[in-house]
Amino acid sequence: MRLLEESVTQEDKLRFIMPLRLQTKGWTRCLREQFFATLGKAYGWTGGRSLSKYFVTIVEDALATVAEKDKE
């Protein structure tokens, strides 16, 4: 997460988001909140028309790794 937060370009951030979206272990509530906050900002990134649809899938994948008790 530190590397994701320190990334400057959206391309670099995306390189860290992709594997993190599937990560199931090592998350704290704070880390999850940071990760999903970054995903929220990603909706404003510039890119091709398919980028926003791509992020819908990324969010779905990430949500699937969150335990039911941790979802709000």
C-alpha atoms as a PDB file:
ATOM      1  CA  MET A   1       0.000   0.000   0.000  1.00  0.00           C
ATOM      2  CA  ARG A   2       2.867   2.359   0.702  1.00  0.00           C
ATOM      3  CA  LEU A   3       4.071   2.008  -2.882  1.00  0.00           C
ATOM      4  CA  LEU A   4       0.565   2.603  -4.187  1.00  0.00           C
ATOM      5  CA  GLU A   5       0.212   5.751  -2.100  1.00  0.00           C
ATOM      6  CA  GLU A   6       3.636   7.010  -3.177  1.00  0.00           C
ATOM      7  CA  SER A   7       2.978   6.403  -6.870  1.00  0.00           C
ATOM      8  CA  VAL A   8       2.668   9.569  -8.898  1.00  0.00           C
ATOM      9  CA  THR A   9       1.157   8.486 -12.199  1.00  0.00           C
ATOM     10  CA  GLN A  10      -2.136   6.711 -12.690  1.00  0.00           C
ATOM     11  CA  GLU A  11      -0.312   4.056 -14.672  1.00  0.00           C
ATOM     12  CA  ASP A  12       1.952   3.276 -11.725  1.00  0.00           C
ATOM     13  CA  LYS A  13      -0.994   3.253  -9.336  1.00  0.00           C
ATOM     14  CA  LEU A  14      -2.809   0.824 -11.626  1.00  0.00           C
ATOM     15  CA  ARG A  15       0.214  -1.511 -11.534  1.00  0.00           C
ATOM     16  CA  PHE A  16      -0.206  -1.785  -7.757  1.00  0.00           C
ATOM     17  CA  ILE A  17      -4.011  -1.856  -7.762  1.00  0.00           C
ATOM     18  CA  MET A  18      -4.181  -4.902 -10.015  1.00  0.00           C
ATOM     19  CA  PRO A  19      -2.521  -7.416  -7.662  1.00  0.00           C
ATOM     20  CA  LEU A  20      -3.889  -5.757  -4.507  1.00  0.00           C
ATOM     21  CA  ARG A  21      -7.482  -6.151  -5.692  1.00  0.00           C
ATOM     22  CA  LEU A  22      -7.117  -9.936  -5.318  1.00  0.00           C
ATOM     23  CA  GLN A  23      -5.146  -9.931  -2.064  1.00  0.00           C
ATOM     24  CA  THR A  24      -7.016 -11.665   0.755  1.00  0.00           C
ATOM     25  CA  LYS A  25      -4.511 -11.556   3.607  1.00  0.00           C
ATOM     26  CA  GLY A  26      -2.732  -8.806   5.492  1.00  0.00           C
ATOM     27  CA  TRP A  27      -5.479  -6.195   5.308  1.00  0.00           C
ATOM     28  CA  THR A  28      -6.349  -3.960   8.211  1.00  0.00           C
ATOM     29  CA  ARG A  29      -9.434  -1.789   8.239  1.00  0.00           C
ATOM     30  CA  CYS A  30      -7.239   1.277   7.637  1.00  0.00           C
ATOM     31  CA  LEU A  31      -5.474  -0.315   4.666  1.00  0.00           C
ATOM     32  CA  ARG A  32      -8.803  -1.363   3.122  1.00  0.00           C
ATOM     33  CA  GLU A  33     -10.132   2.173   3.519  1.00  0.00           C
ATOM     34  CA  GLN A  34      -7.019   3.600   1.859  1.00  0.00           C
ATOM     35  CA  PHE A  35      -7.268   1.112  -0.978  1.00  0.00           C
ATOM     36  CA  PHE A  36     -10.937   1.788  -1.683  1.00  0.00           C
ATOM     37  CA  ALA A  37     -10.339   5.549  -1.400  1.00  0.00           C
ATOM     38  CA  THR A  38      -7.714   5.209  -4.119  1.00  0.00           C
ATOM     39  CA  LEU A  39     -10.163   3.226  -6.227  1.00  0.00           C
ATOM     40  CA  GLY A  40     -12.716   5.988  -5.764  1.00  0.00           C
ATOM     41  CA  LYS A  41     -10.240   8.553  -7.068  1.00  0.00           C
ATOM     42  CA  ALA A  42      -9.432   6.289 -10.004  1.00  0.00           C
ATOM     43  CA  TYR A  43     -12.879   6.889 -11.498  1.00  0.00           C
ATOM     44  CA  GLY A  44     -11.619  10.356 -12.409  1.00  0.00           C
ATOM     45  CA  TRP A  45      -8.552   9.119 -14.235  1.00  0.00           C
ATOM     46  CA  THR A  46      -8.210   9.800 -17.911  1.00  0.00           C
ATOM     47  CA  GLY A  47      -8.006   6.978 -20.378  1.00  0.00           C
ATOM     48  CA  GLY A  48      -9.875   5.168 -23.068  1.00  0.00           C
ATOM     49  CA  ARG A  49     -13.630   4.724 -22.964  1.00  0.00           C
ATOM     50  CA  SER A  50     -13.226   1.277 -21.478  1.00  0.00           C
ATOM     51  CA  LEU A  51     -11.218   2.482 -18.461  1.00  0.00           C
ATOM     52  CA  SER A  52     -14.299   3.244 -16.341  1.00  0.00           C
ATOM     53  CA  LYS A  53     -15.797  -0.164 -17.177  1.00  0.00           C
ATOM     54  CA  TYR A  54     -12.471  -1.735 -16.297  1.00  0.00           C
ATOM     55  CA  PHE A  55     -12.630  -0.131 -12.852  1.00  0.00           C
ATOM     56  CA  VAL A  56     -16.079  -1.530 -12.235  1.00  0.00           C
ATOM     57  CA  THR A  57     -14.541  -4.995 -12.597  1.00  0.00           C
ATOM     58  CA  ILE A  58     -11.594  -4.048 -10.365  1.00  0.00           C
ATOM     59  CA  VAL A  59     -13.957  -2.865  -7.621  1.00  0.00           C
ATOM     60  CA  GLU A  60     -16.064  -6.011  -7.929  1.00  0.00           C
ATOM     61  CA  ASP A  61     -12.931  -8.166  -7.626  1.00  0.00           C
ATOM     62  CA  ALA A  62     -11.717  -6.197  -4.611  1.00  0.00           C
ATOM     63  CA  LEU A  63     -15.094  -6.349  -2.858  1.00  0.00           C
ATOM     64  CA  ALA A  64     -15.173 -10.104  -3.355  1.00  0.00           C
ATOM     65  CA  THR A  65     -12.060 -10.414  -1.146  1.00  0.00           C
ATOM     66  CA  VAL A  66     -13.619  -8.521   1.769  1.00  0.00           C
ATOM     67  CA  ALA A  67     -15.214 -10.675   4.460  1.00  0.00           C
ATOM     68  CA  GLU A  68     -18.955 -10.120   4.893  1.00  0.00           C
ATOM     69  CA  LYS A  69     -18.441  -8.947   8.474  1.00  0.00           C
ATOM     70  CA  ASP A  70     -16.104  -6.197   7.220  1.00  0.00           C
ATOM     71  CA  LYS A  71     -18.422  -4.839   4.537  1.00  0.00           C
ATOM     72  CA  GLU A  72     -20.401  -1.721   5.372  1.00  0.00           C
END
